[in-house]
Every structure is written in C-alpha cells, then in structure tokens.
C-alpha cells in the first residue's frame, strides 16, 4: 500500500504544476500529487488528505479562498490544520486580507518574484520550498505561528 502523498499541487496550468512540483522535488520533497481540475482537486484532497495544499488562487471552478474557507470549516472531514498555500499573480492588499481572514497560511506571488508572507527575505523558488519545509518541520499551520508577523 502506497504512503499517502504529503503535498498536493493544484493548478490548471500544466507548466505551472510541473514547475512547482520540480521546485519541491529539487528541495527534497518526494510525496507529491497534482490536480489539474476542480474535480481532481476535491477528489485528491478527500482521498489522500495531504498535509499541505499548494493551489492557484484562481483555480477554475473553485477559488482558492473558497476552498480554504471550506477546509477551515471541516470540508469532508479534511483536517483543519492542513496547511494551505495559494499562488497568485495579483497579490493585492484586499486579496491578502481576504486570504488571512479565511485561514490561508501562505500566499506566494507567481511567477516566483517574491514570497509575501514568509519570514525569509529570499525572492526565489527556494523560498516556496522553505515555506513548505516549515509546514512539515513545525507540523502546524503557518498562519497560526505568523499572525503577529504579517505586515500588509
């Protein structure tokens, strides 16, 4: 029996999914699964219960904010402590505030130009890997550790 994947990467763009997955594999993360559609995302989250979900904020048919809110409210008994990292190409102040309100742990601007909520000052793909490593090492949702440090 296979070990359930730890990280789910959800994005409608095949190249974006591949790029994020490659960044994570390069950083040493091996337990990865990918979702290309809303149906895949919901099914894979329900089936595999990943510890971390990295998904596009504008996922077709299911916004990242809506899905994060559903998980935080007990969607299909998915653990509420599942870490949620949204990727976006429009990190506006209102989006960041909404993300924090619904319980998103991290927001990453793509293409990888900056990591908005992370405490490191790195602006490379490695910063994403660092954020995910923190989720695994600390074993708790990042927003619970960082609420006091978020500056919008």
Protein backbone atom coordinates (compact mmCIF):
# COMPACT_ATOMS: atom_id res chain seq x y z
CA UNK A 1 0.00 0.00 0.00
CA UNK A 2 1.41 3.37 -1.03
CA UNK A 3 2.13 6.06 1.52
CA UNK A 4 -0.34 8.95 1.05
CA UNK A 5 1.23 11.99 -0.60
CA UNK A 6 2.05 14.84 1.71
CA UNK A 7 1.78 17.77 -0.71
CA UNK A 8 -0.95 18.40 -3.27
CA UNK A 9 -0.16 20.86 -6.07
CA UNK A 10 -3.29 22.20 -7.77
CA UNK A 11 -3.16 24.43 -10.83
CA UNK A 12 -4.97 24.31 -14.16
CA UNK A 13 -1.73 25.13 -15.98
CA UNK A 14 0.33 22.05 -16.75
CA UNK A 15 3.57 24.04 -16.85
CA UNK A 16 2.87 25.78 -13.54
CA UNK A 17 2.10 22.45 -11.83
CA UNK A 18 5.29 20.98 -13.26
CA UNK A 19 7.37 23.99 -12.20
CA UNK A 20 6.07 23.99 -8.61
CA UNK A 21 6.48 20.22 -8.36
CA UNK A 22 10.03 20.42 -9.70
CA UNK A 23 10.93 23.15 -7.20
CA UNK A 24 9.62 20.93 -4.42
CA UNK A 25 11.37 17.78 -5.72
CA UNK A 26 14.63 19.71 -6.01
CA UNK A 27 14.18 20.77 -2.39
CA UNK A 28 13.81 17.12 -1.37
CA UNK A 29 10.05 16.69 -1.20
CA UNK A 30 9.01 13.43 -2.85
CA UNK A 31 5.42 12.81 -1.77
CA UNK A 32 3.67 14.98 -4.37
CA UNK A 33 0.40 14.66 -6.23
CA UNK A 34 -1.04 17.03 -8.81
CA UNK A 35 -4.56 18.22 -9.57
CA UNK A 36 -5.41 19.79 -12.92
CA UNK A 37 -9.12 20.41 -12.36
CA UNK A 38 -11.60 21.21 -9.63
CA UNK A 39 -12.87 17.62 -9.67
CA UNK A 40 -9.30 16.28 -9.34
CA UNK A 41 -8.53 18.67 -6.51
CA UNK A 42 -11.59 17.76 -4.44
CA UNK A 43 -11.16 14.04 -5.09
CA UNK A 44 -7.43 14.01 -4.26
CA UNK A 45 -7.87 16.06 -1.09
CA UNK A 46 -10.65 13.74 0.04
CA UNK A 47 -8.76 10.59 -0.93
CA UNK A 48 -5.21 11.42 0.20
CA UNK A 49 -5.62 14.03 2.96
CA UNK A 50 -2.42 15.90 2.09
CA UNK A 51 -0.65 17.76 4.84
CA UNK A 52 -0.07 20.76 2.56
CA UNK A 53 -2.10 22.09 -0.36
CA UNK A 54 -0.40 24.44 -2.83
CA UNK A 55 -3.04 25.72 -5.22
CA UNK A 56 -3.80 28.57 -7.58
CA UNK A 57 -5.97 31.27 -6.07
CA UNK A 58 -7.96 31.40 -9.32
CA UNK A 59 -8.40 27.66 -9.80
CA UNK A 60 -11.13 27.22 -12.46
CA UNK A 61 -14.46 26.40 -10.83
CA UNK A 62 -13.18 26.72 -7.27
CA UNK A 63 -11.43 29.77 -5.91
CA UNK A 64 -8.55 29.15 -3.53
CA UNK A 65 -10.20 31.43 -0.97
CA UNK A 66 -13.46 29.47 -1.13
CA UNK A 67 -11.68 26.13 -0.82
CA UNK A 68 -9.54 27.35 2.10
CA UNK A 69 -12.69 28.54 3.88
CA UNK A 70 -14.38 25.17 3.27
CA UNK A 71 -11.41 23.28 4.70
CA UNK A 72 -11.24 25.53 7.76
CA UNK A 73 -14.94 24.78 8.33
CA UNK A 74 -14.47 20.99 8.13
CA UNK A 75 -14.89 20.13 4.44
CA UNK A 76 -15.33 16.33 4.14
CA UNK A 77 -13.55 15.91 7.45
CA UNK A 78 -10.27 17.17 5.99
CA UNK A 79 -8.10 18.13 8.98
CA UNK A 80 -8.50 21.84 9.65
CA UNK A 81 -4.79 22.06 10.36
CA UNK A 82 -3.98 21.24 6.73
CA UNK A 83 -1.61 23.98 5.55
CA UNK A 84 -2.88 25.95 2.55
CA UNK A 85 -0.56 27.93 0.28
CA UNK A 86 -2.16 29.96 -2.51
CA UNK A 87 -0.32 31.12 -5.60
CA UNK A 88 -1.48 34.30 -7.32
CA UNK A 89 -0.34 36.74 -9.96
CA UNK A 90 -2.37 39.54 -8.35
CA UNK A 91 -1.33 39.87 -4.69
CA UNK A 92 -3.44 42.92 -3.87
CA UNK A 93 -3.92 44.19 -0.35
CA UNK A 94 -7.59 43.13 -0.37
CA UNK A 95 -6.65 39.64 -1.57
CA UNK A 96 -4.06 39.27 1.19
CA UNK A 97 -6.56 40.43 3.81
CA UNK A 98 -9.20 38.02 2.49
CA UNK A 99 -6.64 35.21 2.48
CA UNK A 100 -5.76 35.83 6.09
CA UNK A 101 -9.43 36.04 7.06
CA UNK A 102 -10.34 32.62 5.60
CA UNK A 103 -7.27 30.89 7.06
CA UNK A 104 -4.78 30.70 4.20
CA UNK A 105 -1.31 30.01 5.61
CA UNK A 106 0.89 31.49 2.88
CA UNK A 107 0.46 33.50 -0.31
CA UNK A 108 3.11 33.18 -2.99
CA UNK A 109 3.29 35.54 -5.96
CA UNK A 110 3.87 33.85 -9.30
CA UNK A 111 5.88 33.93 -11.32
CA UNK A 112 8.21 33.48 -8.38
CA UNK A 113 9.21 37.06 -7.71
CA UNK A 114 8.53 37.33 -4.01
CA UNK A 115 7.16 35.38 -1.12
CA UNK A 116 4.68 37.71 0.50
CA UNK A 117 4.04 36.27 3.92
CA UNK A 118 7.18 34.30 4.53
CA UNK A 119 9.73 35.48 7.05
CA UNK A 120 12.74 34.90 4.81
CA UNK A 121 13.98 37.69 2.57
CA UNK A 122 14.54 35.39 -0.39
CA UNK A 123 12.80 36.03 -3.70
CA UNK A 124 13.49 32.75 -5.45
CA UNK A 125 11.65 29.45 -5.92
CA UNK A 126 13.64 28.14 -2.96
CA UNK A 127 11.54 30.42 -0.75
CA UNK A 128 8.48 28.31 -1.60
CA UNK A 129 10.36 25.18 -0.60
CA UNK A 130 11.35 26.86 2.67
CA UNK A 131 7.73 27.76 3.42
CA UNK A 132 6.67 24.18 2.79
CA UNK A 133 9.54 22.79 4.85
CA UNK A 134 8.34 24.94 7.74
CA UNK A 135 4.88 23.37 7.47
CA UNK A 136 6.41 19.93 7.73
CA UNK A 137 9.00 20.68 10.42
CA UNK A 138 6.68 22.59 12.72
CA UNK A 139 3.66 20.41 11.96
CA UNK A 140 1.20 23.26 12.49
CA UNK A 141 -0.46 25.68 10.12
CA UNK A 142 1.84 28.57 9.38
CA UNK A 143 -0.75 31.29 9.88
CA UNK A 144 -1.16 30.25 13.49
CA UNK A 145 2.57 30.91 14.06
CA UNK A 146 2.80 34.05 11.99
CA UNK A 147 -0.33 36.11 12.52
CA UNK A 148 1.57 38.61 14.62
CA UNK A 149 4.28 38.98 11.96
CA UNK A 150 2.14 39.54 8.87
CA UNK A 151 2.51 43.05 7.53
CA UNK A 152 0.10 44.07 4.79
